[in-house]
Amino acid sequence: MIGCQILKRQRAVSLELARQFLQVPVANVSDCMSRMTAGGARLRPMHDGTAMAGPAFTIKTRPGDNLLIHKALDLLEPGDVLVVDGEGDVSRALVGEIMITAAQVRGAVAFVIDGAVRDAEAFEEQGFPCWSRGVSLRGPYKEG
């Protein structure tokens, strides 16, 4: 099917199990997963390096379009890490300070964005972990 889809959520990993990974070096986790699923060298921390762990809530969005991220924020559960496949595009930011606040209100613990963010200093100031490909001052589209 072509177009936007929202699949029924089935949390495969409990929050308690995910938090146990805070005790293990991330490189070891990657090694145990056949070194195939780590974010790679292009993802950089936008925060102070605080560790995080939680079940991944994953979405795919069109480059530069954050409409589905807004919907994902409504569907998050406490402890979730919002993982966004933005196709690595850094021409427009997908999240920023307002979205950090919305995510924190819903109990999210981090963002992993394969794309750009804005308001980069806010991630460190608010102590909200985020890894992204880059920073862009240009805001997103909301086209779905």
Foldseek 3Di string as FASTA:
>chain_A
DDDDDDDDDDQPDAFVRFVVCVVPPPVVVCVVVVVPDDPDDLWDKLADPDDATAGEDEDEDEAQAQQVVVVVLVVDAARYEYEYPHVQEAAAANEEDVSLVSNVVRRYQEYEYSYEHENSVNCHVVVRIYIYNYYDPHHGHHDD
